Amino acid sequence: MGYSARRGFTNGKVSGAQRQAELQQKIAEVQEQMNAAQEAVEATEFTASVGGGVVEARVNGKKEVLAVTIKPEAVDPEDVEMLQDLVVSAVNEALRQAGEAMDQSMNSVTGGLNLGAFGL
């Protein structure tokens, strides 16, 4: 049994202030874990290739395009639109992979909770 000059004897119960402090500590820990997970994904590179490997795009977890590689056999002056479509497809697939990796990383930290309302 604890004693507080304000509350008298507490019978070992946790006060509201103590609960709030514990909750704030847990939130801070989750934020640190989320930041570490985000940094790990941002440092990762994702590669996608399309058209049988003739066009390849490489992006990072920040969703920045790092490189686009086009094999000579993909270049047909008579069909530039096909090459453009292949480049767009490769970049979009690599970006999708990066986004999916970020989502999975955040879900592993938060247990699938949507913490957007809390600004996390």
Protein backbone atom coordinates (compact mmCIF):
# COMPACT_ATOMS: atom_id res chain seq x y z
CA MET A 1 0.00 0.00 0.00
CA GLY A 2 1.50 3.35 -1.06
CA TYR A 3 0.86 6.73 0.44
CA SER A 4 0.49 10.04 -1.35
CA ALA A 5 0.00 13.33 0.48
CA ARG A 6 -2.59 14.24 -2.14
CA ARG A 7 -4.45 10.97 -2.46
CA GLY A 8 -3.74 9.22 0.80
CA PHE A 9 -3.30 5.46 0.60
CA THR A 10 -3.50 4.11 -2.97
CA ASN A 11 -3.88 0.38 -2.30
CA GLY A 12 -1.23 -0.31 -4.94
CA LYS A 13 -3.35 1.03 -7.79
CA VAL A 14 -1.68 2.86 -10.65
CA SER A 15 -2.65 6.52 -10.92
CA GLY A 16 -3.89 8.13 -14.11
CA ALA A 17 -0.67 10.14 -14.40
CA GLN A 18 1.39 6.97 -14.14
CA ARG A 19 -0.72 5.28 -16.82
CA GLN A 20 -0.33 8.28 -19.11
CA ALA A 21 3.44 8.33 -18.59
CA GLU A 22 3.63 4.61 -19.41
CA LEU A 23 1.51 5.14 -22.53
CA GLN A 24 3.70 8.02 -23.67
CA GLN A 25 6.78 5.85 -23.17
CA LYS A 26 5.24 3.06 -25.25
CA ILE A 27 4.31 5.53 -27.99
CA ALA A 28 7.87 6.85 -28.04
CA GLU A 29 9.21 3.29 -28.34
CA VAL A 30 6.85 2.51 -31.23
CA GLN A 31 7.88 5.75 -32.97
CA GLU A 32 11.55 4.76 -32.65
CA GLN A 33 10.82 1.31 -34.06
CA MET A 34 8.83 2.82 -36.93
CA ASN A 35 11.65 5.25 -37.74
CA ALA A 36 14.20 2.44 -37.75
CA ALA A 37 11.98 0.27 -39.96
CA GLN A 38 11.36 3.17 -42.35
CA GLU A 39 15.08 3.93 -42.61
CA ALA A 40 15.82 0.27 -43.36
CA VAL A 41 13.27 0.16 -46.19
CA GLU A 42 14.41 3.51 -47.57
CA ALA A 43 17.96 2.17 -47.81
CA THR A 44 16.79 -0.91 -49.73
CA GLU A 45 16.80 -1.05 -53.52
CA PHE A 46 14.02 -2.68 -55.54
CA THR A 47 14.37 -3.88 -59.12
CA ALA A 48 11.73 -4.83 -61.64
CA SER A 49 12.18 -5.99 -65.20
CA VAL A 50 9.60 -6.33 -67.96
CA GLY A 51 9.45 -7.42 -71.56
CA GLY A 52 11.48 -10.53 -70.94
CA GLY A 53 14.18 -8.52 -69.17
CA VAL A 54 14.77 -5.94 -71.91
CA VAL A 55 13.77 -3.05 -69.61
CA GLU A 56 14.77 -2.88 -65.97
CA ALA A 57 14.05 -0.20 -63.37
CA ARG A 58 15.76 0.21 -60.02
CA VAL A 59 14.26 2.34 -57.22
CA ASN A 60 14.94 2.83 -53.53
CA GLY A 61 12.57 2.69 -50.59
CA LYS A 62 12.16 6.46 -50.78
CA LYS A 63 10.46 5.77 -54.13
CA GLU A 64 13.20 7.50 -56.08
CA VAL A 65 14.15 6.08 -59.48
CA LEU A 66 17.84 5.18 -59.36
CA ALA A 67 18.32 3.67 -62.81
CA VAL A 68 16.54 2.49 -65.91
CA THR A 69 18.34 -0.06 -68.09
CA ILE A 70 17.22 -0.70 -71.65
CA LYS A 71 18.78 -3.47 -73.72
CA PRO A 72 19.50 -2.56 -77.34
CA GLU A 73 17.06 -5.14 -78.68
CA ALA A 74 14.22 -3.21 -77.00
CA VAL A 75 14.91 -0.14 -79.13
CA ASP A 76 12.80 -0.20 -82.26
CA PRO A 77 12.52 3.20 -83.98
CA GLU A 78 9.28 2.01 -85.54
CA ASP A 79 7.69 1.25 -82.15
CA VAL A 80 8.78 3.88 -79.62
CA GLU A 81 5.44 3.63 -77.81
CA MET A 82 6.13 0.03 -76.83
CA LEU A 83 9.46 1.03 -75.29
CA GLN A 84 7.80 3.87 -73.41
CA ASP A 85 5.16 1.48 -72.06
CA LEU A 86 7.85 -0.97 -70.96
CA VAL A 87 9.73 1.76 -69.09
CA VAL A 88 6.56 2.94 -67.35
CA SER A 89 5.65 -0.65 -66.43
CA ALA A 90 9.08 -1.42 -65.00
CA VAL A 91 9.20 1.79 -62.95
CA ASN A 92 5.66 1.30 -61.63
CA GLU A 93 6.38 -2.30 -60.63
CA ALA A 94 9.57 -1.33 -58.79
CA LEU A 95 7.72 1.49 -57.01
CA ARG A 96 4.91 -0.93 -56.09
CA GLN A 97 7.48 -3.29 -54.57
CA ALA A 98 8.99 -0.43 -52.54
CA GLY A 99 5.57 0.66 -51.29
CA GLU A 100 4.61 -2.87 -50.38
CA ALA A 101 7.86 -3.34 -48.46
CA MET A 102 7.23 -0.12 -46.53
CA ASP A 103 3.67 -1.20 -45.69
CA GLN A 104 4.84 -4.61 -44.50
CA SER A 105 7.60 -3.05 -42.43
CA MET A 106 5.21 -0.61 -40.74
CA ASN A 107 2.63 -3.34 -40.14
CA SER A 108 5.24 -5.49 -38.43
CA VAL A 109 5.97 -2.64 -36.00
CA THR A 110 2.39 -1.55 -35.37
CA GLY A 111 0.74 -4.96 -35.50
CA GLY A 112 -1.45 -3.76 -38.36
CA LEU A 113 -2.94 -0.84 -36.39
CA ASN A 114 -3.68 2.32 -38.35
CA LEU A 115 -1.86 4.96 -36.34
CA GLY A 116 -2.42 7.77 -38.84
CA ALA A 117 -4.98 9.43 -36.60
CA PHE A 118 -2.25 9.82 -33.98
CA GLY A 119 0.17 11.40 -36.42
CA LEU A 120 2.47 8.38 -36.39
